[in-house]
């Protein structure tokens, strides 16, 4: 089935993606990748929250509670007003309180920080939620200490809560003295727990919104220095230092636009991105210019909130072609062997392909995927190549081009086989097994015994 929009692709990943990413996140390619799996144009507006097990908890219980949490990936702004307090005039002057929302992506098990967090604010972990099972971890003081220690690994997080499920009477009485970061969920039926969880997520959403306001107000005062690995590789001549100072304001405006997106305010975001584009153009900051263009497209789609509109679609294509061009223009030959904007160029290509991914636009999508596949040869990091091939295989599968999907799945399997560990070998075999139908190959296990002899 061809999905109508990006969110469908994100919310309902194929069996191939689930298999590959589970192996990917486990051990194969830990923190070296610049590219990220499963990205779309609206990824820029999604807040990441790490979900961590705290204390002693069985895996099936952790999965159960994390699954309950995952249902609350979108919180309407209209539902958080009782938790929200405007301590000062909000920088989000065009906040759509009646129609807007905050969107979340729960990173189960957490993730290491990205060196590109300054460039794409959505890559930061902005919140940490701990999950604790009280009968298995009766000492709440220890739980609080463990949670505090876990949060130290996420310096970018602005809100932390530890959800402790099924506390006993003693723990309920004791929990009131542990501060507001520990939230007890008394034993109750599923429906009651869901309501409690939704209320807590509304509280977290309001807290994050207020923290975003503080961040933007501080950034507007000029106290923010923003860098990427591309900058750290550049020579620090006096000319470069002067250029960096001139670029600071444009980068700050782009980042404020990012936080407007995370806060669910696309009109505010667009205003800051427009300023960032003008400043980046004047200083020749092509990489950040491309980033501001990307943010502007996300703001456009958030603001219009339409499924299919030919005019909007043409505008998105026009802007994203400019995004790809400016990422390409930001390539610095001196950095080519160490860090390159190519990953962002290819990721932008995949985002556009996913946005257009349906049968009637198959020709355009195939052209984009072919271009992305050609770029894979120049990627420095094997983990980026792995993610690229996974995404290309997914999109070909969505189009119904199963043989092409199988071909790129084989590329993924080959990358797995280059790793010297048993999990990689198992993953490679499983991926290859997924391609057998497309290649009309039948495994021995699926053939009746009487047909073999």
Protein backbone atom coordinates (compact mmCIF):
# COMPACT_ATOMS: atom_id res chain seq x y z
CA UNK A 1 0.00 0.00 0.00
CA UNK A 2 1.31 3.44 -0.90
CA UNK A 3 0.98 5.80 2.05
CA UNK A 4 -0.46 9.27 1.56
CA UNK A 5 1.88 11.24 3.72
CA UNK A 6 5.14 11.26 5.58
CA UNK A 7 3.65 10.47 8.97
CA UNK A 8 2.23 7.20 7.71
CA UNK A 9 5.70 6.11 6.66
CA UNK A 10 7.06 7.05 10.06
CA UNK A 11 4.34 5.49 12.17
CA UNK A 12 4.09 2.21 10.29
CA UNK A 13 7.61 1.09 9.39
CA UNK A 14 8.04 -2.01 7.29
CA UNK A 15 9.27 -5.31 8.70
CA UNK A 16 12.53 -4.61 6.93
CA UNK A 17 13.08 -1.34 8.78
CA UNK A 18 12.21 -2.83 12.16
CA UNK A 19 14.66 -5.65 11.60
CA UNK A 20 17.47 -3.49 10.30
CA UNK A 21 17.13 -0.73 12.85
CA UNK A 22 16.95 -3.08 15.81
CA UNK A 23 20.27 -4.53 14.77
CA UNK A 24 21.60 -1.13 13.81
CA UNK A 25 20.86 0.47 17.16
CA UNK A 26 22.13 -2.51 19.11
CA UNK A 27 25.78 -2.85 18.22
CA UNK A 28 26.64 -2.58 14.59
CA UNK A 29 27.09 1.11 13.93
CA UNK A 30 26.85 2.96 17.23
CA UNK A 31 27.40 6.70 17.18
CA UNK A 32 29.44 7.40 14.07
CA UNK A 33 26.62 8.14 11.62
CA UNK A 34 25.69 11.64 10.53
CA UNK A 35 22.59 10.48 8.68
CA UNK A 36 19.57 9.32 10.63
CA UNK A 37 17.03 6.64 9.75
CA UNK A 38 13.36 7.31 9.16
CA UNK A 39 13.64 11.08 8.63
CA UNK A 40 11.03 13.18 6.86
CA UNK A 41 10.40 16.86 6.29
CA UNK A 42 8.47 17.14 9.56
CA UNK A 43 11.32 15.59 11.58
CA UNK A 44 12.51 19.14 12.30
CA UNK A 45 9.39 19.74 14.41
CA UNK A 46 9.61 16.62 16.58
CA UNK A 47 10.93 16.75 20.16
CA UNK A 48 13.12 13.84 21.23
CA UNK A 49 12.70 12.32 24.65
CA UNK A 50 14.95 9.57 25.98
CA UNK A 51 13.08 6.75 27.72
CA UNK A 52 15.30 4.88 30.17
CA UNK A 53 14.81 1.90 32.50
CA UNK A 54 15.53 2.87 36.10
CA UNK A 55 16.22 0.41 38.88
CA UNK A 56 15.36 -3.25 38.40
CA UNK A 57 12.69 -3.85 35.78
CA UNK A 58 11.86 -6.84 33.60
CA UNK A 59 12.17 -6.23 29.88
CA UNK A 60 8.54 -7.10 29.14
CA UNK A 61 7.34 -4.55 31.71
CA UNK A 62 9.66 -1.88 30.37
CA UNK A 63 8.36 -2.54 26.87
CA UNK A 64 4.78 -2.41 28.11
CA UNK A 65 5.21 0.96 29.83
CA UNK A 66 7.27 2.38 26.96
CA UNK A 67 4.53 1.24 24.58
CA UNK A 68 1.90 3.04 26.66
CA UNK A 69 4.04 6.16 26.57
CA UNK A 70 4.48 5.91 22.81
CA UNK A 71 0.76 6.45 22.25
CA UNK A 72 1.15 10.02 23.49
CA UNK A 73 3.45 11.18 20.69
CA UNK A 74 1.27 14.21 19.96
CA UNK A 75 -0.05 16.62 22.59
CA UNK A 76 -2.49 19.32 21.52
CA UNK A 77 -1.57 22.79 22.73
CA UNK A 78 -5.17 23.37 23.77
CA UNK A 79 -4.82 20.62 26.40
CA UNK A 80 -1.78 22.05 28.21
CA UNK A 81 -3.04 25.51 29.15
CA UNK A 82 -3.72 24.49 32.76
CA UNK A 83 -0.06 23.46 33.15
CA UNK A 84 1.39 26.43 31.27
CA UNK A 85 2.40 29.67 32.97
CA UNK A 86 3.70 32.62 30.98
CA UNK A 87 6.44 33.97 33.26
CA UNK A 88 7.35 36.63 30.73
CA UNK A 89 6.13 37.68 27.32
CA UNK A 90 6.42 34.62 25.10
CA UNK A 91 8.70 34.90 22.05
CA UNK A 92 6.20 32.64 20.27
CA UNK A 93 3.78 35.46 19.53
CA UNK A 94 1.94 33.51 16.81
CA UNK A 95 1.46 30.33 18.85
CA UNK A 96 -1.62 28.49 17.47
CA UNK A 97 -3.13 27.51 20.82
CA UNK A 98 -6.37 26.25 19.31
CA UNK A 99 -4.99 24.16 16.46
CA UNK A 100 -1.30 23.53 17.21
CA UNK A 101 0.45 20.65 18.93
CA UNK A 102 3.78 19.44 20.25
CA UNK A 103 5.09 16.23 18.69
CA UNK A 104 7.38 13.73 20.39
CA UNK A 105 9.70 10.95 19.41
CA UNK A 106 10.54 8.58 22.25
CA UNK A 107 14.09 7.26 22.03
CA UNK A 108 13.82 4.02 23.97
CA UNK A 109 17.13 3.33 25.66
CA UNK A 110 18.39 6.82 24.83
CA UNK A 111 21.08 7.79 22.36
CA UNK A 112 24.49 9.46 22.43
CA UNK A 113 24.71 13.19 21.69
CA UNK A 114 25.19 14.23 18.09
CA UNK A 115 27.93 16.66 17.02
CA UNK A 116 25.30 18.24 14.74
CA UNK A 117 22.90 19.26 17.53
CA UNK A 118 23.66 22.96 17.14
CA UNK A 119 22.80 22.76 13.46
CA UNK A 120 19.58 20.76 13.83
CA UNK A 121 18.02 21.41 17.22
CA UNK A 122 15.62 18.50 16.85
CA UNK A 123 18.60 16.13 17.19
CA UNK A 124 18.96 17.10 20.84
CA UNK A 125 17.42 15.03 23.59
CA UNK A 126 15.19 17.66 25.18
CA UNK A 127 13.62 15.47 27.83
CA UNK A 128 14.32 12.33 29.82
CA UNK A 129 11.66 9.96 31.12
CA UNK A 130 12.69 7.17 33.45
CA UNK A 131 10.53 4.08 33.86
CA UNK A 132 10.61 2.25 37.16
CA UNK A 133 8.68 -0.76 38.49
CA UNK A 134 8.21 -0.15 42.21
CA UNK A 135 7.72 -3.79 43.33
CA UNK A 136 11.09 -4.61 41.73
CA UNK A 137 12.77 -1.43 43.06
CA UNK A 138 11.36 -0.81 46.55
CA UNK A 139 13.99 1.77 47.58
CA UNK A 140 12.75 5.06 46.12
CA UNK A 141 15.81 6.96 47.34
CA UNK A 142 17.95 4.66 45.22
CA UNK A 143 15.58 5.12 42.27
CA UNK A 144 15.86 8.91 42.53
CA UNK A 145 19.66 8.70 42.69
CA UNK A 146 19.85 6.36 39.70
CA UNK A 147 17.56 8.59 37.69
CA UNK A 148 19.62 11.68 38.50
CA UNK A 149 22.77 9.83 37.43
CA UNK A 150 21.13 8.73 34.17
CA UNK A 151 20.03 12.29 33.38
CA UNK A 152 23.62 13.54 33.62
CA UNK A 153 24.28 11.82 30.32
CA UNK A 154 21.81 14.18 28.63
CA UNK A 155 23.10 17.69 29.15
CA UNK A 156 20.70 19.05 26.53
CA UNK A 157 17.59 17.80 28.36
CA UNK A 158 15.36 20.52 29.75
CA UNK A 159 12.73 18.39 31.51
CA UNK A 160 13.17 15.14 33.45
CA UNK A 161 10.55 12.89 35.01
CA UNK A 162 10.78 9.40 36.47
CA UNK A 163 7.54 7.44 36.15
CA UNK A 164 7.31 4.85 38.92
CA UNK A 165 4.58 2.26 38.37
CA UNK A 166 2.67 0.12 40.90
CA UNK A 167 3.97 1.62 44.16
CA UNK A 168 2.92 0.04 47.45
CA UNK A 169 1.27 1.97 50.28
CA UNK A 170 4.60 2.73 51.96
CA UNK A 171 6.09 3.96 48.69
CA UNK A 172 3.04 6.12 48.02
CA UNK A 173 3.45 7.79 51.38
CA UNK A 174 7.21 8.12 50.92
CA UNK A 175 7.05 9.32 47.31
CA UNK A 176 5.52 12.67 48.20
CA UNK A 177 8.85 13.73 49.71
CA UNK A 178 10.99 12.92 46.67
CA UNK A 179 10.42 16.07 44.63
CA UNK A 180 8.43 16.67 41.46
CA UNK A 181 10.71 14.63 39.19
CA UNK A 182 9.39 11.37 40.64
CA UNK A 183 5.84 10.63 39.51
CA UNK A 184 4.06 7.68 41.11
CA UNK A 185 1.45 5.72 39.16
CA UNK A 186 -0.66 3.80 41.71
CA UNK A 187 -1.96 0.36 40.71
CA UNK A 188 -5.01 0.82 38.49
CA UNK A 189 -6.73 -0.54 35.42
CA UNK A 190 -5.28 0.18 31.97
CA UNK A 191 -7.72 3.00 31.19
CA UNK A 192 -6.95 4.88 34.41
CA UNK A 193 -3.22 4.54 33.86
CA UNK A 194 -3.58 5.82 30.30
CA UNK A 195 -5.41 8.93 31.55
CA UNK A 196 -2.78 9.49 34.25
CA UNK A 197 -0.02 9.10 31.68
CA UNK A 198 -1.70 11.52 29.28
CA UNK A 199 -1.97 14.10 32.06
CA UNK A 200 1.71 13.72 32.88
CA UNK A 201 2.64 14.11 29.21
CA UNK A 202 0.58 17.30 29.06
CA UNK A 203 2.57 18.55 32.05
CA UNK A 204 5.85 17.63 30.31
CA UNK A 205 4.71 19.35 27.11
CA UNK A 206 3.91 22.56 28.99
CA UNK A 207 7.22 22.41 30.85
CA UNK A 208 9.13 21.97 27.60
CA UNK A 209 7.28 24.85 25.97
CA UNK A 210 8.24 27.14 28.84
CA UNK A 211 11.86 25.96 28.63
CA UNK A 212 11.89 26.63 24.88
CA UNK A 213 10.69 30.16 25.59
CA UNK A 214 13.58 30.70 28.00
CA UNK A 215 16.06 29.33 25.47
CA UNK A 216 14.84 31.61 22.69
CA UNK A 217 14.88 34.71 24.90
CA UNK A 218 18.46 33.93 25.89
CA UNK A 219 19.47 33.32 22.26
CA UNK A 220 17.90 36.63 21.22
CA UNK A 221 20.10 38.40 23.74
CA UNK A 222 23.12 37.20 21.76
CA UNK A 223 24.64 34.73 24.19
CA UNK A 224 24.68 31.70 21.90
CA UNK A 225 27.67 30.27 20.03
CA UNK A 226 26.72 27.74 17.37
CA UNK A 227 29.20 25.43 15.66
CA UNK A 228 29.28 22.24 13.63
CA UNK A 229 32.07 19.77 12.83
CA UNK A 230 32.46 21.65 9.55
CA UNK A 231 33.57 24.73 11.50
CA UNK A 232 36.00 22.85 13.70
CA UNK A 233 37.80 21.61 10.60
CA UNK A 234 38.12 25.05 9.05
CA UNK A 235 41.31 27.06 9.45
CA UNK A 236 41.21 29.64 12.22
CA UNK A 237 42.86 32.49 10.37
CA UNK A 238 41.96 36.04 11.36
CA UNK A 239 39.75 36.19 8.28
CA UNK A 240 37.86 33.07 9.40
CA UNK A 241 37.37 34.50 12.90
CA UNK A 242 35.85 37.68 11.47
CA UNK A 243 33.63 35.62 9.18
CA UNK A 244 32.47 33.46 12.10
CA UNK A 245 31.43 36.55 14.08
CA UNK A 246 29.42 37.83 11.15
CA UNK A 247 27.73 34.46 10.76
CA UNK A 248 26.75 34.14 14.41
CA UNK A 249 23.59 36.25 14.14
CA UNK A 250 22.26 34.37 11.11
CA UNK A 251 22.90 31.03 12.78
CA UNK A 252 21.16 32.18 15.94
CA UNK A 253 18.11 33.19 13.91
CA UNK A 254 18.05 29.80 12.20
CA UNK A 255 18.25 28.03 15.56
CA UNK A 256 15.49 30.19 17.03
CA UNK A 257 13.42 29.11 14.04
CA UNK A 258 14.17 25.50 14.97
CA UNK A 259 12.84 26.05 18.49
CA UNK A 260 9.73 27.73 17.12
CA UNK A 261 9.07 24.55 15.13
CA UNK A 262 9.59 22.38 18.21
CA UNK A 263 7.21 24.68 20.08
CA UNK A 264 4.57 24.13 17.40
CA UNK A 265 4.61 27.70 16.08
CA UNK A 266 5.29 27.61 12.31
CA UNK A 267 4.50 31.28 11.61
CA UNK A 268 7.09 32.40 14.17
CA UNK A 269 9.53 29.86 12.76
CA UNK A 270 9.10 31.15 9.24
CA UNK A 271 9.83 34.73 10.31
CA UNK A 272 13.13 33.72 11.92
CA UNK A 273 14.10 31.47 9.02
CA UNK A 274 13.52 34.36 6.60
CA UNK A 275 15.91 36.54 8.61
CA UNK A 276 18.42 33.68 8.82
CA UNK A 277 18.31 33.18 5.04
CA UNK A 278 19.07 36.82 4.38
CA UNK A 279 21.96 36.91 6.86
CA UNK A 280 23.40 33.58 5.67
CA UNK A 281 23.24 34.76 2.08
CA UNK A 282 25.18 37.93 2.93
CA UNK A 283 27.93 35.97 4.71
CA UNK A 284 28.10 33.05 2.25
CA UNK A 285 27.14 30.58 4.99
CA UNK A 286 25.74 28.04 2.54
CA UNK A 287 25.42 25.14 4.97
CA UNK A 288 23.27 27.09 7.42
CA UNK A 289 21.41 28.67 4.51
CA UNK A 290 20.38 25.17 3.41
CA UNK A 291 19.36 24.33 6.98
CA UNK A 292 17.18 27.43 7.23
CA UNK A 293 15.57 26.56 3.89
CA UNK A 294 14.76 23.08 5.20
CA UNK A 295 13.21 24.52 8.34
CA UNK A 296 11.14 26.89 6.23
CA UNK A 297 9.66 23.98 4.26
CA UNK A 298 8.71 22.22 7.50
CA UNK A 299 7.09 25.44 8.74
CA UNK A 300 5.19 25.76 5.46
CA UNK A 301 3.73 22.26 5.72
CA UNK A 302 2.90 22.68 9.41
CA UNK A 303 1.12 25.96 8.76
CA UNK A 304 -0.86 24.78 5.73
CA UNK A 305 -1.69 21.37 7.24
CA UNK A 306 -2.87 19.95 3.91
CA UNK A 307 -2.48 16.39 2.69
CA UNK A 308 -2.16 17.06 -1.03
CA UNK A 309 -2.09 20.41 -2.73
CA UNK A 310 -0.41 20.67 -6.14
CA UNK A 311 0.70 24.26 -5.50
CA UNK A 312 2.24 23.41 -2.12
CA UNK A 313 3.82 20.31 -3.63
CA UNK A 314 5.52 22.33 -6.36
CA UNK A 315 6.74 24.83 -3.78
CA UNK A 316 8.22 22.04 -1.66
CA UNK A 317 10.00 20.56 -4.69
CA UNK A 318 11.37 23.96 -5.70
CA UNK A 319 12.65 24.74 -2.21
CA UNK A 320 14.12 21.30 -1.59
CA UNK A 321 16.02 21.38 -4.85
CA UNK A 322 17.53 24.62 -3.55
CA UNK A 323 18.30 22.92 -0.22
CA UNK A 324 20.17 20.13 -2.01
CA UNK A 325 22.05 22.66 -4.16
CA UNK A 326 23.20 24.72 -1.16
CA UNK A 327 24.35 21.69 0.80
CA UNK A 328 26.41 20.83 -2.26
CA UNK A 329 27.81 24.37 -2.41
CA UNK A 330 28.94 24.15 1.23
CA UNK A 331 31.41 21.36 0.44
CA UNK A 332 34.94 22.31 1.55
CA UNK A 333 37.70 20.40 -0.21
CA UNK A 334 40.06 20.58 2.78
CA UNK A 335 37.51 18.73 4.94
CA UNK A 336 36.62 16.07 2.41
CA UNK A 337 38.43 13.22 4.13
CA UNK A 338 37.15 14.01 7.63
CA UNK A 339 33.70 15.57 7.54
CA UNK A 340 31.41 16.47 4.68
CA UNK A 341 27.97 18.00 4.15
CA UNK A 342 27.21 15.20 1.68
CA UNK A 343 25.24 13.27 4.31
CA UNK A 344 22.88 16.23 4.70
CA UNK A 345 22.53 16.59 0.94
CA UNK A 346 21.55 12.93 0.63
CA UNK A 347 19.27 13.10 3.65
CA UNK A 348 17.48 16.07 2.08
CA UNK A 349 17.12 14.05 -1.13
CA UNK A 350 15.51 11.21 0.84
CA UNK A 351 13.16 13.62 2.63
CA UNK A 352 11.91 14.97 -0.68
CA UNK A 353 11.58 11.44 -2.07
CA UNK A 354 9.53 10.39 0.96
CA UNK A 355 7.31 13.45 0.64
CA UNK A 356 6.58 12.64 -3.02
CA UNK A 357 6.48 8.87 -2.56
CA UNK A 358 3.41 7.61 -4.38
CA UNK A 359 2.78 5.76 -7.63
CA UNK A 360 1.74 8.71 -9.78
CA UNK A 361 5.03 10.48 -8.97
CA UNK A 362 7.14 7.33 -9.25
CA UNK A 363 9.37 8.74 -12.01
CA UNK A 364 10.43 11.72 -9.89
CA UNK A 365 10.95 9.56 -6.82
CA UNK A 366 13.09 7.07 -8.75
CA UNK A 367 15.25 9.92 -10.07
CA UNK A 368 15.80 11.17 -6.52
CA UNK A 369 16.60 7.68 -5.22
CA UNK A 370 18.99 7.05 -8.10
CA UNK A 371 20.78 10.30 -7.30
CA UNK A 372 20.98 9.33 -3.62
CA UNK A 373 22.36 5.89 -4.47
CA UNK A 374 25.04 7.48 -6.67
CA UNK A 375 26.06 9.67 -3.73
CA UNK A 376 26.57 6.64 -1.49
CA UNK A 377 29.93 5.96 -3.13
CA UNK A 378 31.29 9.23 -1.75
CA UNK A 379 30.09 8.81 1.83
CA UNK A 380 32.93 8.68 4.32
CA UNK A 381 31.17 6.62 6.99
CA UNK A 382 29.91 3.08 6.37
CA UNK A 383 27.07 3.61 8.84
CA UNK A 384 25.77 6.50 6.73
CA UNK A 385 25.85 4.21 3.71
CA UNK A 386 23.91 1.58 5.65
CA UNK A 387 21.19 4.06 6.61
CA UNK A 388 21.02 5.39 3.07
CA UNK A 389 20.52 1.92 1.57
CA UNK A 390 17.90 1.04 4.20
CA UNK A 391 15.91 4.15 3.35
CA UNK A 392 16.23 3.64 -0.40
CA UNK A 393 15.03 0.04 -0.01
CA UNK A 394 12.07 1.23 2.06
CA UNK A 395 11.01 3.86 -0.43
CA UNK A 396 11.29 1.49 -3.38
CA UNK A 397 9.17 -0.95 -1.40
CA UNK A 398 6.58 1.76 -0.75
CA UNK A 399 6.40 2.43 -4.48
CA UNK A 400 5.90 -1.29 -5.10
CA UNK A 401 9.28 -1.68 -6.84
CA UNK A 402 10.10 -4.87 -4.99
CA UNK A 403 13.09 -5.99 -7.06
CA UNK A 404 14.79 -2.63 -6.59
CA UNK A 405 13.99 -2.79 -2.88
CA UNK A 406 15.50 -6.27 -2.78
CA UNK A 407 18.63 -5.06 -4.58
CA UNK A 408 19.30 -2.38 -1.97
CA UNK A 409 18.43 -4.81 0.81
CA UNK A 410 21.26 -6.96 -0.53
CA UNK A 411 23.54 -3.93 -0.30
CA UNK A 412 22.54 -3.63 3.35
CA UNK A 413 23.29 -7.32 3.90
CA UNK A 414 26.73 -6.89 2.35
CA UNK A 415 27.48 -4.00 4.72
CA UNK A 416 26.43 -6.19 7.63
CA UNK A 417 28.70 -8.97 6.44
CA UNK A 418 31.66 -6.61 6.56
CA UNK A 419 31.25 -6.45 10.33
CA UNK A 420 33.06 -9.13 12.27
CA UNK A 421 30.43 -10.21 14.75
CA UNK A 422 27.71 -12.84 14.91
CA UNK A 423 24.80 -10.40 15.19
CA UNK A 424 25.84 -8.78 11.92
CA UNK A 425 26.01 -12.18 10.22
CA UNK A 426 22.56 -13.15 11.51
CA UNK A 427 21.15 -9.80 10.40
CA UNK A 428 22.67 -10.23 6.96
CA UNK A 429 21.04 -13.63 6.55
CA UNK A 430 17.68 -12.31 7.71
CA UNK A 431 17.85 -9.39 5.30
CA UNK A 432 18.76 -11.70 2.44
CA UNK A 433 15.83 -13.94 3.37
CA UNK A 434 13.52 -10.94 2.93
CA UNK A 435 14.70 -10.56 -0.66
CA UNK A 436 14.05 -14.14 -1.77
CA UNK A 437 10.49 -13.54 -2.91
CA UNK A 438 11.46 -10.61 -5.14
CA UNK A 439 14.23 -12.68 -6.72
CA UNK A 440 11.96 -15.75 -6.95
CA UNK A 441 14.33 -17.75 -4.78
CA UNK A 442 12.85 -20.32 -2.41
CA UNK A 443 14.59 -21.40 0.76
CA UNK A 444 14.94 -25.13 1.47
CA UNK A 445 13.01 -24.71 4.69
CA UNK A 446 9.91 -23.61 2.78
CA UNK A 447 9.96 -26.56 0.36
CA UNK A 448 8.02 -29.70 1.39
CA UNK A 449 10.36 -32.63 2.04
CA UNK A 450 8.67 -34.88 -0.51
CA UNK A 451 9.43 -32.29 -3.20
CA UNK A 452 13.18 -32.37 -2.51
CA UNK A 453 13.72 -36.08 -3.00
